[in-house]
């Protein structure tokens, strides 16, 4: 098993409510490998009119 540390940027659309955010993040991280640990390290407001936010995720994945 190989562990890797990744920085991952993810757009958080307004349609995803806060209570569903964890599942949304994990579902996107699982596309890259088995999730060991993750955290949100930064949140930025988008400049578009859709109200999305950009999340910076730091994760440890097993491949």
C-alpha atoms as a PDB file:
ATOM      1  CA  UNK A   1       0.000   0.000   0.000  1.00  0.00           C
ATOM      2  CA  UNK A   2       1.341   3.406  -1.001  1.00  0.00           C
ATOM      3  CA  UNK A   3       0.323   6.524   0.967  1.00  0.00           C
ATOM      4  CA  UNK A   4       0.342   9.928  -0.671  1.00  0.00           C
ATOM      5  CA  UNK A   5      -0.361  13.429   0.547  1.00  0.00           C
ATOM      6  CA  UNK A   6      -2.366  15.612  -1.840  1.00  0.00           C
ATOM      7  CA  UNK A   7      -3.650  19.162  -1.964  1.00  0.00           C
ATOM      8  CA  UNK A   8      -6.995  19.123  -3.698  1.00  0.00           C
ATOM      9  CA  UNK A   9      -9.167  22.049  -4.815  1.00  0.00           C
ATOM     10  CA  UNK A  10     -12.899  21.496  -4.958  1.00  0.00           C
ATOM     11  CA  UNK A  11     -15.735  23.816  -5.974  1.00  0.00           C
ATOM     12  CA  UNK A  12     -18.518  23.810  -3.375  1.00  0.00           C
ATOM     13  CA  UNK A  13     -21.762  24.651  -5.203  1.00  0.00           C
ATOM     14  CA  UNK A  14     -24.633  26.321  -3.359  1.00  0.00           C
ATOM     15  CA  UNK A  15     -26.795  23.263  -4.060  1.00  0.00           C
ATOM     16  CA  UNK A  16     -24.708  21.238  -1.545  1.00  0.00           C
ATOM     17  CA  UNK A  17     -25.928  22.063   1.966  1.00  0.00           C
ATOM     18  CA  UNK A  18     -23.514  22.193   4.894  1.00  0.00           C
ATOM     19  CA  UNK A  19     -24.884  18.968   6.409  1.00  0.00           C
ATOM     20  CA  UNK A  20     -24.026  17.143   3.135  1.00  0.00           C
ATOM     21  CA  UNK A  21     -20.591  18.715   2.654  1.00  0.00           C
ATOM     22  CA  UNK A  22     -18.634  15.880   4.303  1.00  0.00           C
ATOM     23  CA  UNK A  23     -20.172  13.252   2.017  1.00  0.00           C
ATOM     24  CA  UNK A  24     -19.584  15.504  -1.014  1.00  0.00           C
ATOM     25  CA  UNK A  25     -15.875  15.925  -0.173  1.00  0.00           C
ATOM     26  CA  UNK A  26     -15.308  12.222   0.528  1.00  0.00           C
ATOM     27  CA  UNK A  27     -17.078  11.188  -2.685  1.00  0.00           C
ATOM     28  CA  UNK A  28     -14.753  13.443  -4.690  1.00  0.00           C
ATOM     29  CA  UNK A  29     -11.621  12.315  -2.841  1.00  0.00           C
ATOM     30  CA  UNK A  30     -12.455   8.629  -3.310  1.00  0.00           C
ATOM     31  CA  UNK A  31     -12.045   9.142  -7.060  1.00  0.00           C
ATOM     32  CA  UNK A  32      -8.310   9.585  -6.361  1.00  0.00           C
ATOM     33  CA  UNK A  33      -7.802   6.703  -3.890  1.00  0.00           C
ATOM     34  CA  UNK A  34      -8.804   5.332  -0.489  1.00  0.00           C
ATOM     35  CA  UNK A  35      -9.244   8.213   1.949  1.00  0.00           C
ATOM     36  CA  UNK A  36      -7.193   7.898   5.143  1.00  0.00           C
ATOM     37  CA  UNK A  37      -7.482  11.447   6.469  1.00  0.00           C
ATOM     38  CA  UNK A  38      -8.560  14.843   5.142  1.00  0.00           C
ATOM     39  CA  UNK A  39      -9.137  18.422   6.286  1.00  0.00           C
ATOM     40  CA  UNK A  40     -10.337  21.722   4.842  1.00  0.00           C
ATOM     41  CA  UNK A  41      -7.433  24.161   4.997  1.00  0.00           C
ATOM     42  CA  UNK A  42      -8.883  27.154   3.112  1.00  0.00           C
ATOM     43  CA  UNK A  43     -12.208  28.470   1.799  1.00  0.00           C
ATOM     44  CA  UNK A  44     -12.456  31.199  -0.839  1.00  0.00           C
ATOM     45  CA  UNK A  45     -15.528  32.918  -2.204  1.00  0.00           C
ATOM     46  CA  UNK A  46     -15.879  32.636  -5.948  1.00  0.00           C
ATOM     47  CA  UNK A  47     -16.032  35.707  -8.148  1.00  0.00           C
ATOM     48  CA  UNK A  48     -18.804  34.238 -10.295  1.00  0.00           C
ATOM     49  CA  UNK A  49     -22.493  35.015  -9.796  1.00  0.00           C
ATOM     50  CA  UNK A  50     -23.379  31.424  -8.871  1.00  0.00           C
ATOM     51  CA  UNK A  51     -22.192  31.775  -5.260  1.00  0.00           C
ATOM     52  CA  UNK A  52     -19.887  28.760  -5.293  1.00  0.00           C
ATOM     53  CA  UNK A  53     -16.981  28.548  -2.885  1.00  0.00           C
ATOM     54  CA  UNK A  54     -13.580  27.006  -3.560  1.00  0.00           C
ATOM     55  CA  UNK A  55     -12.321  24.618  -0.875  1.00  0.00           C
ATOM     56  CA  UNK A  56      -8.690  23.653  -0.458  1.00  0.00           C
ATOM     57  CA  UNK A  57      -8.494  20.109   0.910  1.00  0.00           C
ATOM     58  CA  UNK A  58      -5.358  18.448   2.274  1.00  0.00           C
ATOM     59  CA  UNK A  59      -5.687  14.670   2.279  1.00  0.00           C
ATOM     60  CA  UNK A  60      -3.760  11.460   2.809  1.00  0.00           C
ATOM     61  CA  UNK A  61      -4.778   8.748   0.344  1.00  0.00           C
ATOM     62  CA  UNK A  62      -3.840   5.102  -0.040  1.00  0.00           C
ATOM     63  CA  UNK A  63      -3.334   3.797  -3.573  1.00  0.00           C
END
